[in-house]
């Protein structure tokens, strides 16, 4: 199913509303972190919990949630169907369709999330995690057919002339 979350009490409007929803989500995860996650082996003590880049998008809100145990694209699920937690829904972004898992979060209600990283041990500090979250969100918002996206998909190669190709092959065999 492809859809978009409509404006709702848990959702959208302007930049301030988007940032506020992201901060409310972060506060919920801080509570979850203290209550249930801190002592688990997947918890990276070098990281904190931060809502990164939450913004209005297509009548809802989208951003990246960074925690010591995951990094997810997150958005309010609003009236998106199906209504059961654990169900999935595909959402359209400029970069393409992304599959989200629906869940319930205390004080937030229905949430749609797409995992980017879990666990988070590849991040030495919050600066690295934040930079990755910002880059992921920028990629998500980059239209798949834009010049920049097409350029990034092209392999970085230089033209090889026949002589250099043969020299390279011969050097590998004999070198």
Foldseek 3Di string as FASTA:
>chain_A
DEDDAAADPLWDDFAVSQQVSLVQVQVLVQVCCVPPNVPDPLFDPQEAWGWADWGDDPRGIWFWIDHRFFIKIKTANHPPDDPDFQDWYWYAALQGIDIWGWDQTPPRGIMTIDTDDGRDVVDNHHVVVNVVRVVVVVNRRHHCPDPVNVVVPDDPDDDDDPVNVVVVVVVVVVD
